Each structure stands twice: as C-alpha cells, then as structure tokens.
PDB file of N, CA and C in Angstrom:
ATOM      1  N   UNK A   1     161.942  83.107 116.967  1.00  0.00           N
ATOM      2  CA  UNK A   1     161.425  84.476 117.217  1.00  0.00           C
ATOM      3  C   UNK A   1     160.606  85.012 116.230  1.00  0.00           C
ATOM      4  N   UNK A   2     161.079  84.935 115.057  1.00  0.00           N
ATOM      5  CA  UNK A   2     160.430  85.601 113.828  1.00  0.00           C
ATOM      6  C   UNK A   2     158.913  84.915 113.736  1.00  0.00           C
ATOM      7  N   UNK A   3     158.908  83.545 113.783  1.00  0.00           N
ATOM      8  CA  UNK A   3     157.637  82.846 113.812  1.00  0.00           C
ATOM      9  C   UNK A   3     156.672  83.224 114.689  1.00  0.00           C
ATOM     10  N   UNK A   4     157.030  83.505 116.008  1.00  0.00           N
ATOM     11  CA  UNK A   4     156.281  84.003 117.212  1.00  0.00           C
ATOM     12  C   UNK A   4     155.745  85.422 116.739  1.00  0.00           C
ATOM     13  N   UNK A   5     156.624  86.182 116.133  1.00  0.00           N
ATOM     14  CA  UNK A   5     156.288  87.624 115.856  1.00  0.00           C
ATOM     15  C   UNK A   5     155.009  87.499 114.744  1.00  0.00           C
ATOM     16  N   UNK A   6     155.177  86.654 113.741  1.00  0.00           N
ATOM     17  CA  UNK A   6     154.270  86.525 112.573  1.00  0.00           C
ATOM     18  C   UNK A   6     152.925  86.007 113.125  1.00  0.00           C
ATOM     19  N   UNK A   7     153.083  85.025 114.137  1.00  0.00           N
ATOM     20  CA  UNK A   7     151.869  84.529 114.835  1.00  0.00           C
ATOM     21  C   UNK A   7     151.158  85.711 115.572  1.00  0.00           C
ATOM     22  N   UNK A   8     151.708  86.438 116.313  1.00  0.00           N
ATOM     23  CA  UNK A   8     151.211  87.467 117.056  1.00  0.00           C
ATOM     24  C   UNK A   8     150.474  88.554 116.171  1.00  0.00           C
ATOM     25  N   UNK A   9     151.211  88.759 115.142  1.00  0.00           N
ATOM     26  CA  UNK A   9     150.585  89.695 114.107  1.00  0.00           C
ATOM     27  C   UNK A   9     149.461  89.178 113.389  1.00  0.00           C
ATOM     28  N   UNK A  10     149.397  87.935 113.057  1.00  0.00           N
ATOM     29  CA  UNK A  10     148.406  87.358 112.543  1.00  0.00           C
ATOM     30  C   UNK A  10     147.131  87.147 113.347  1.00  0.00           C
ATOM     31  N   UNK A  11     147.453  86.837 114.609  1.00  0.00           N
ATOM     32  CA  UNK A  11     146.301  86.836 115.569  1.00  0.00           C
ATOM     33  C   UNK A  11     145.740  88.239 115.766  1.00  0.00           C
ATOM     34  N   UNK A  12     146.536  89.217 115.995  1.00  0.00           N
ATOM     35  CA  UNK A  12     145.978  90.618 116.054  1.00  0.00           C
ATOM     36  C   UNK A  12     145.049  90.898 114.945  1.00  0.00           C
ATOM     37  N   UNK A  13     145.475  90.666 113.727  1.00  0.00           N
ATOM     38  CA  UNK A  13     144.809  90.914 112.481  1.00  0.00           C
ATOM     39  C   UNK A  13     143.534  90.221 112.586  1.00  0.00           C
ATOM     40  N   UNK A  14     143.492  88.912 112.911  1.00  0.00           N
ATOM     41  CA  UNK A  14     142.116  88.155 112.983  1.00  0.00           C
ATOM     42  C   UNK A  14     141.339  88.745 114.001  1.00  0.00           C
ATOM     43  N   UNK A  15     141.791  89.088 115.266  1.00  0.00           N
ATOM     44  CA  UNK A  15     140.846  89.667 116.211  1.00  0.00           C
ATOM     45  C   UNK A  15     140.223  90.930 115.807  1.00  0.00           C
ATOM     46  N   UNK A  16     141.178  91.838 115.171  1.00  0.00           N
ATOM     47  CA  UNK A  16     140.655  93.025 114.624  1.00  0.00           C
ATOM     48  C   UNK A  16     139.642  92.920 113.690  1.00  0.00           C
ATOM     49  N   UNK A  17     139.717  91.878 112.779  1.00  0.00           N
ATOM     50  CA  UNK A  17     138.650  91.532 111.758  1.00  0.00           C
ATOM     51  C   UNK A  17     137.324  91.057 112.532  1.00  0.00           C
ATOM     52  N   UNK A  18     137.446  90.274 113.672  1.00  0.00           N
ATOM     53  CA  UNK A  18     136.300  89.960 114.444  1.00  0.00           C
ATOM     54  C   UNK A  18     135.617  91.028 114.905  1.00  0.00           C
ATOM     55  N   UNK A  19     136.311  92.066 115.428  1.00  0.00           N
ATOM     56  CA  UNK A  19     135.785  93.232 115.958  1.00  0.00           C
ATOM     57  C   UNK A  19     134.971  94.052 114.966  1.00  0.00           C
ATOM     58  N   UNK A  20     135.570  94.070 113.781  1.00  0.00           N
ATOM     59  CA  UNK A  20     134.834  94.735 112.668  1.00  0.00           C
ATOM     60  C   UNK A  20     133.457  93.927 112.501  1.00  0.00           C
ATOM     61  N   UNK A  21     133.637  92.718 112.321  1.00  0.00           N
ATOM     62  CA  UNK A  21     132.334  91.919 112.114  1.00  0.00           C
ATOM     63  C   UNK A  21     131.165  92.136 113.308  1.00  0.00           C
ATOM     64  N   UNK A  22     131.714  92.078 114.571  1.00  0.00           N
ATOM     65  CA  UNK A  22     130.654  92.366 115.627  1.00  0.00           C
ATOM     66  C   UNK A  22     130.142  93.775 115.301  1.00  0.00           C
ATOM     67  N   UNK A  23     131.009  94.829 115.087  1.00  0.00           N
ATOM     68  CA  UNK A  23     130.387  96.098 114.849  1.00  0.00           C
ATOM     69  C   UNK A  23     129.403  96.174 113.771  1.00  0.00           C
ATOM     70  N   UNK A  24     129.639  95.349 112.792  1.00  0.00           N
ATOM     71  CA  UNK A  24     128.437  95.285 111.728  1.00  0.00           C
ATOM     72  C   UNK A  24     127.212  94.515 112.131  1.00  0.00           C
ATOM     73  N   UNK A  25     127.387  93.485 112.899  1.00  0.00           N
ATOM     74  CA  UNK A  25     126.293  92.467 113.447  1.00  0.00           C
ATOM     75  C   UNK A  25     125.384  93.173 114.457  1.00  0.00           C
ATOM     76  N   UNK A  26     126.014  93.713 115.413  1.00  0.00           N
ATOM     77  CA  UNK A  26     125.337  94.206 116.525  1.00  0.00           C
ATOM     78  C   UNK A  26     124.223  95.211 116.155  1.00  0.00           C
ATOM     79  N   UNK A  27     124.455  96.132 115.391  1.00  0.00           N
ATOM     80  CA  UNK A  27     123.184  97.079 115.106  1.00  0.00           C
ATOM     81  C   UNK A  27     122.305  96.686 114.118  1.00  0.00           C
ATOM     82  N   UNK A  28     122.513  95.388 113.424  1.00  0.00           N
ATOM     83  CA  UNK A  28     121.580  94.745 112.561  1.00  0.00           C
ATOM     84  C   UNK A  28     120.608  93.885 113.148  1.00  0.00           C
ATOM     85  N   UNK A  29     120.797  93.453 114.314  1.00  0.00           N
ATOM     86  CA  UNK A  29     119.879  92.394 114.931  1.00  0.00           C
ATOM     87  C   UNK A  29     118.929  93.226 115.743  1.00  0.00           C
ATOM     88  N   UNK A  30     117.689  92.619 115.821  1.00  0.00           N
ATOM     89  CA  UNK A  30     116.560  93.067 116.495  1.00  0.00           C
ATOM     90  C   UNK A  30     116.259  92.319 117.786  1.00  0.00           C
ATOM     91  N   UNK A  31     116.914  91.197 117.834  1.00  0.00           N
ATOM     92  CA  UNK A  31     116.692  90.082 118.999  1.00  0.00           C
ATOM     93  C   UNK A  31     117.667  90.672 120.131  1.00  0.00           C
ATOM     94  N   UNK A  32     117.027  90.956 121.283  1.00  0.00           N
ATOM     95  CA  UNK A  32     117.706  91.652 122.403  1.00  0.00           C
ATOM     96  C   UNK A  32     118.779  90.644 122.934  1.00  0.00           C
ATOM     97  N   UNK A  33     118.375  89.317 123.091  1.00  0.00           N
ATOM     98  CA  UNK A  33     119.097  88.277 123.598  1.00  0.00           C
ATOM     99  C   UNK A  33     120.412  88.156 122.659  1.00  0.00           C
ATOM    100  N   UNK A  34     120.291  88.050 121.383  1.00  0.00           N
ATOM    101  CA  UNK A  34     121.376  87.847 120.638  1.00  0.00           C
ATOM    102  C   UNK A  34     122.268  89.196 120.489  1.00  0.00           C
ATOM    103  N   UNK A  35     121.657  90.243 120.630  1.00  0.00           N
ATOM    104  CA  UNK A  35     122.398  91.536 120.611  1.00  0.00           C
ATOM    105  C   UNK A  35     123.260  91.657 121.955  1.00  0.00           C
ATOM    106  N   UNK A  36     122.727  91.218 123.005  1.00  0.00           N
ATOM    107  CA  UNK A  36     123.342  91.383 124.283  1.00  0.00           C
ATOM    108  C   UNK A  36     124.642  90.149 124.173  1.00  0.00           C
ATOM    109  N   UNK A  37     124.356  88.921 123.572  1.00  0.00           N
ATOM    110  CA  UNK A  37     125.399  88.053 123.444  1.00  0.00           C
ATOM    111  C   UNK A  37     126.646  88.541 122.544  1.00  0.00           C
ATOM    112  N   UNK A  38     126.100  89.156 121.491  1.00  0.00           N
ATOM    113  CA  UNK A  38     127.285  89.605 120.602  1.00  0.00           C
ATOM    114  C   UNK A  38     128.045  90.710 121.217  1.00  0.00           C
ATOM    115  N   UNK A  39     127.326  91.506 122.041  1.00  0.00           N
ATOM    116  CA  UNK A  39     128.079  92.678 122.671  1.00  0.00           C
ATOM    117  C   UNK A  39     129.115  91.892 123.812  1.00  0.00           C
ATOM    118  N   UNK A  40     128.535  90.975 124.377  1.00  0.00           N
ATOM    119  CA  UNK A  40     129.453  90.391 125.399  1.00  0.00           C
ATOM    120  C   UNK A  40     130.647  89.679 124.720  1.00  0.00           C
ATOM    121  N   UNK A  41     130.419  89.086 123.596  1.00  0.00           N
ATOM    122  CA  UNK A  41     131.446  88.376 122.718  1.00  0.00           C
ATOM    123  C   UNK A  41     132.404  89.595 122.257  1.00  0.00           C
ATOM    124  N   UNK A  42     131.960  90.640 121.887  1.00  0.00           N
ATOM    125  CA  UNK A  42     132.814  91.795 121.381  1.00  0.00           C
ATOM    126  C   UNK A  42     133.616  92.258 122.542  1.00  0.00           C
ATOM    127  N   UNK A  43     133.116  92.270 123.685  1.00  0.00           N
ATOM    128  CA  UNK A  43     133.921  92.877 124.942  1.00  0.00           C
ATOM    129  C   UNK A  43     134.880  91.871 125.052  1.00  0.00           C
ATOM    130  N   UNK A  44     134.655  90.556 125.092  1.00  0.00           N
ATOM    131  CA  UNK A  44     135.751  89.482 125.401  1.00  0.00           C
ATOM    132  C   UNK A  44     136.824  89.594 124.458  1.00  0.00           C
ATOM    133  N   UNK A  45     136.394  89.777 123.068  1.00  0.00           N
ATOM    134  CA  UNK A  45     137.327  89.971 122.015  1.00  0.00           C
ATOM    135  C   UNK A  45     138.224  91.208 122.097  1.00  0.00           C
ATOM    136  N   UNK A  46     137.692  92.303 122.601  1.00  0.00           N
ATOM    137  CA  UNK A  46     138.321  93.518 122.861  1.00  0.00           C
ATOM    138  C   UNK A  46     139.421  93.451 123.925  1.00  0.00           C
ATOM    139  N   UNK A  47     139.105  92.549 124.921  1.00  0.00           N
ATOM    140  CA  UNK A  47     139.958  92.386 126.063  1.00  0.00           C
ATOM    141  C   UNK A  47     141.290  91.463 125.621  1.00  0.00           C
ATOM    142  N   UNK A  48     140.890  90.449 124.811  1.00  0.00           N
ATOM    143  CA  UNK A  48     141.870  89.653 124.127  1.00  0.00           C
ATOM    144  C   UNK A  48     142.956  90.453 123.376  1.00  0.00           C
ATOM    145  N   UNK A  49     142.238  91.341 122.513  1.00  0.00           N
ATOM    146  CA  UNK A  49     143.153  92.232 121.625  1.00  0.00           C
ATOM    147  C   UNK A  49     144.091  93.090 122.346  1.00  0.00           C
ATOM    148  N   UNK A  50     143.534  93.637 123.540  1.00  0.00           N
ATOM    149  CA  UNK A  50     144.378  94.492 124.291  1.00  0.00           C
ATOM    150  C   UNK A  50     145.481  93.764 124.974  1.00  0.00           C
ATOM    151  N   UNK A  51     145.037  92.583 125.543  1.00  0.00           N
ATOM    152  CA  UNK A  51     146.198  91.681 126.028  1.00  0.00           C
ATOM    153  C   UNK A  51     147.387  91.392 125.099  1.00  0.00           C
ATOM    154  N   UNK A  52     146.808  90.970 124.030  1.00  0.00           N
ATOM    155  CA  UNK A  52     147.844  90.570 122.809  1.00  0.00           C
ATOM    156  C   UNK A  52     148.701  91.831 122.395  1.00  0.00           C
ATOM    157  N   UNK A  53     147.932  92.936 122.270  1.00  0.00           N
ATOM    158  CA  UNK A  53     148.768  94.160 121.893  1.00  0.00           C
ATOM    159  C   UNK A  53     149.714  94.521 122.917  1.00  0.00           C
ATOM    160  N   UNK A  54     149.444  94.283 124.313  1.00  0.00           N
ATOM    161  CA  UNK A  54     150.561  94.675 125.213  1.00  0.00           C
ATOM    162  C   UNK A  54     151.721  93.729 125.105  1.00  0.00           C
ATOM    163  N   UNK A  55     151.432  92.432 124.714  1.00  0.00           N
ATOM    164  CA  UNK A  55     152.546  91.466 124.702  1.00  0.00           C
ATOM    165  C   UNK A  55     153.438  91.826 123.397  1.00  0.00           C
ATOM    166  N   UNK A  56     152.526  92.338 122.425  1.00  0.00           N
ATOM    167  CA  UNK A  56     153.295  92.588 121.219  1.00  0.00           C
ATOM    168  C   UNK A  56     154.226  93.860 121.381  1.00  0.00           C
ATOM    169  N   UNK A  57     153.899  94.832 122.171  1.00  0.00           N
ATOM    170  CA  UNK A  57     154.417  96.119 122.493  1.00  0.00           C
ATOM    171  C   UNK A  57     155.714  95.666 123.346  1.00  0.00           C
ATOM    172  N   UNK A  58     155.550  94.847 124.251  1.00  0.00           N
ATOM    173  CA  UNK A  58     156.644  94.406 125.296  1.00  0.00           C
ATOM    174  C   UNK A  58     157.752  93.738 124.507  1.00  0.00           C
ATOM    175  N   UNK A  59     157.438  92.979 123.520  1.00  0.00           N
ATOM    176  CA  UNK A  59     158.406  92.194 122.710  1.00  0.00           C
ATOM    177  C   UNK A  59     158.931  92.957 121.522  1.00  0.00           C
ATOM    178  N   UNK A  60     158.474  94.142 121.398  1.00  0.00           N
ATOM    179  CA  UNK A  60     158.995  95.137 120.353  1.00  0.00           C
ATOM    180  C   UNK A  60     158.397  94.576 118.984  1.00  0.00           C
ATOM    181  N   UNK A  61     157.362  93.597 118.931  1.00  0.00           N
ATOM    182  CA  UNK A  61     156.692  93.160 117.761  1.00  0.00           C
ATOM    183  C   UNK A  61     155.946  94.299 117.097  1.00  0.00           C
ATOM    184  N   UNK A  62     155.439  95.205 117.987  1.00  0.00           N
ATOM    185  CA  UNK A  62     154.535  96.266 117.361  1.00  0.00           C
ATOM    186  C   UNK A  62     155.056  97.635 117.909  1.00  0.00           C
ATOM    187  N   UNK A  63     155.325  98.526 117.060  1.00  0.00           N
ATOM    188  CA  UNK A  63     155.716  99.703 117.403  1.00  0.00           C
ATOM    189  C   UNK A  63     154.588 100.894 117.001  1.00  0.00           C
ATOM    190  N   UNK A  64     153.814 101.397 117.697  1.00  0.00           N
ATOM    191  CA  UNK A  64     152.876 102.222 117.572  1.00  0.00           C
ATOM    192  C   UNK A  64     153.312 103.388 116.774  1.00  0.00           C
ATOM    193  N   UNK A  65     152.376 104.053 116.032  1.00  0.00           N
ATOM    194  CA  UNK A  65     152.598 105.242 115.203  1.00  0.00           C
ATOM    195  C   UNK A  65     152.987 106.414 116.328  1.00  0.00           C
ATOM    196  N   UNK A  66     153.690 107.506 115.771  1.00  0.00           N
ATOM    197  CA  UNK A  66     153.940 108.488 116.569  1.00  0.00           C
ATOM    198  C   UNK A  66     152.619 109.251 116.853  1.00  0.00           C
ATOM    199  N   UNK A  67     152.578 109.708 118.125  1.00  0.00           N
ATOM    200  CA  UNK A  67     151.270 110.388 118.551  1.00  0.00           C
ATOM    201  C   UNK A  67     151.057 111.828 117.652  1.00  0.00           C
ATOM    202  N   UNK A  68     149.948 111.907 117.485  1.00  0.00           N
ATOM    203  CA  UNK A  68     149.530 113.224 116.734  1.00  0.00           C
ATOM    204  C   UNK A  68     149.808 114.339 117.623  1.00  0.00           C
ATOM    205  N   UNK A  69     150.159 115.522 116.855  1.00  0.00           N
ATOM    206  CA  UNK A  69     150.497 116.780 117.611  1.00  0.00           C
ATOM    207  C   UNK A  69     149.099 117.454 117.968  1.00  0.00           C
ATOM    208  N   UNK A  70     149.034 118.303 118.887  1.00  0.00           N
ATOM    209  CA  UNK A  70     147.713 118.946 119.277  1.00  0.00           C
ATOM    210  C   UNK A  70     147.279 119.722 118.145  1.00  0.00           C
ATOM    211  N   UNK A  71     148.028 120.199 117.123  1.00  0.00           N
ATOM    212  CA  UNK A  71     147.695 120.934 115.978  1.00  0.00           C
ATOM    213  C   UNK A  71     146.926 120.024 115.089  1.00  0.00           C
ATOM    214  N   UNK A  72     147.456 118.634 114.938  1.00  0.00           N
ATOM    215  CA  UNK A  72     146.736 117.766 114.098  1.00  0.00           C
ATOM    216  C   UNK A  72     145.509 117.375 114.611  1.00  0.00           C
ATOM    217  N   UNK A  73     145.316 117.117 115.961  1.00  0.00           N
ATOM    218  CA  UNK A  73     144.038 116.779 116.786  1.00  0.00           C
ATOM    219  C   UNK A  73     143.071 117.927 116.392  1.00  0.00           C
ATOM    220  N   UNK A  74     143.385 119.169 116.720  1.00  0.00           N
ATOM    221  CA  UNK A  74     142.564 120.309 116.559  1.00  0.00           C
ATOM    222  C   UNK A  74     142.031 120.344 115.098  1.00  0.00           C
ATOM    223  N   UNK A  75     142.838 119.942 114.031  1.00  0.00           N
ATOM    224  CA  UNK A  75     142.559 120.020 112.691  1.00  0.00           C
ATOM    225  C   UNK A  75     141.386 119.078 112.330  1.00  0.00           C
ATOM    226  N   UNK A  76     141.589 117.928 112.906  1.00  0.00           N
ATOM    227  CA  UNK A  76     140.627 116.861 112.564  1.00  0.00           C
ATOM    228  C   UNK A  76     139.392 117.067 113.420  1.00  0.00           C
ATOM    229  N   UNK A  77     139.377 117.622 114.579  1.00  0.00           N
ATOM    230  CA  UNK A  77     138.260 118.109 115.328  1.00  0.00           C
ATOM    231  C   UNK A  77     137.414 119.200 114.556  1.00  0.00           C
ATOM    232  N   UNK A  78     138.177 119.999 113.969  1.00  0.00           N
ATOM    233  CA  UNK A  78     137.658 121.100 113.170  1.00  0.00           C
ATOM    234  C   UNK A  78     136.986 120.578 112.052  1.00  0.00           C
ATOM    235  N   UNK A  79     137.465 119.624 111.362  1.00  0.00           N
ATOM    236  CA  UNK A  79     136.759 118.952 110.331  1.00  0.00           C
ATOM    237  C   UNK A  79     135.420 118.475 110.627  1.00  0.00           C
ATOM    238  N   UNK A  80     135.331 117.733 111.831  1.00  0.00           N
ATOM    239  CA  UNK A  80     134.129 117.138 112.238  1.00  0.00           C
ATOM    240  C   UNK A  80     133.101 118.146 112.718  1.00  0.00           C
ATOM    241  N   UNK A  81     133.418 119.360 113.452  1.00  0.00           N
ATOM    242  CA  UNK A  81     132.467 120.244 113.868  1.00  0.00           C
ATOM    243  C   UNK A  81     132.240 121.290 112.712  1.00  0.00           C
ATOM    244  N   UNK A  82     132.943 121.355 111.619  1.00  0.00           N
ATOM    245  CA  UNK A  82     132.404 122.354 110.644  1.00  0.00           C
ATOM    246  C   UNK A  82     131.742 121.712 109.665  1.00  0.00           C
ATOM    247  N   UNK A  83     131.339 120.305 109.723  1.00  0.00           N
ATOM    248  CA  UNK A  83     130.710 119.689 108.782  1.00  0.00           C
ATOM    249  C   UNK A  83     131.363 119.310 107.363  1.00  0.00           C
ATOM    250  N   UNK A  84     132.625 119.419 107.552  1.00  0.00           N
ATOM    251  CA  UNK A  84     133.529 119.157 106.248  1.00  0.00           C
ATOM    252  C   UNK A  84     133.443 117.612 105.793  1.00  0.00           C
ATOM    253  N   UNK A  85     133.330 116.859 106.902  1.00  0.00           N
ATOM    254  CA  UNK A  85     133.248 115.292 106.588  1.00  0.00           C
ATOM    255  C   UNK A  85     131.898 114.881 106.542  1.00  0.00           C
TER     256      UNK A  85
END
C-alpha cells in the first residue's frame, strides 16, 4: 500500500512538471502546427493528472488543503485589482 501511494505521488509530481514545461514551450513557438500539437499534448496530460488526482483522493493518498475563506479570496482579489502584485 505504501509503495502504491509513493508511486501515485511521484507520478502526480511528474505530470505536474510536464504541465509546467508545456506552459513554457507553447508560448515560445511560432510554428502553428507545433503549437497545436503541444496544446493537444497538454490537454491529454491535464486529463491524466485529473484522473490520477481523483484516484489519490479516493484512496486518501492526497488530502487537499482547506478551502480559503471568502475573506481570504477577497483579499487576494484585492491585491490583483489594486496593482499591489
């Protein structure tokens, strides 16, 4: 069981790293075909990440952080709209 949890965690970390790389590559390419292919690959990667995330939650391998309060959400929104960030 512990080995499975580690494998799921490692795979999620790997997928998240791939998503970061797609986010870096897509805006840097001028080739429309390549850009389209990268976007399609990113979408497939995101779908895999979501599926694995659901499995991890079902098995209690991953427990999400507590949801932000409305006050916290409003504060962060305020930072962006006031130009503080």
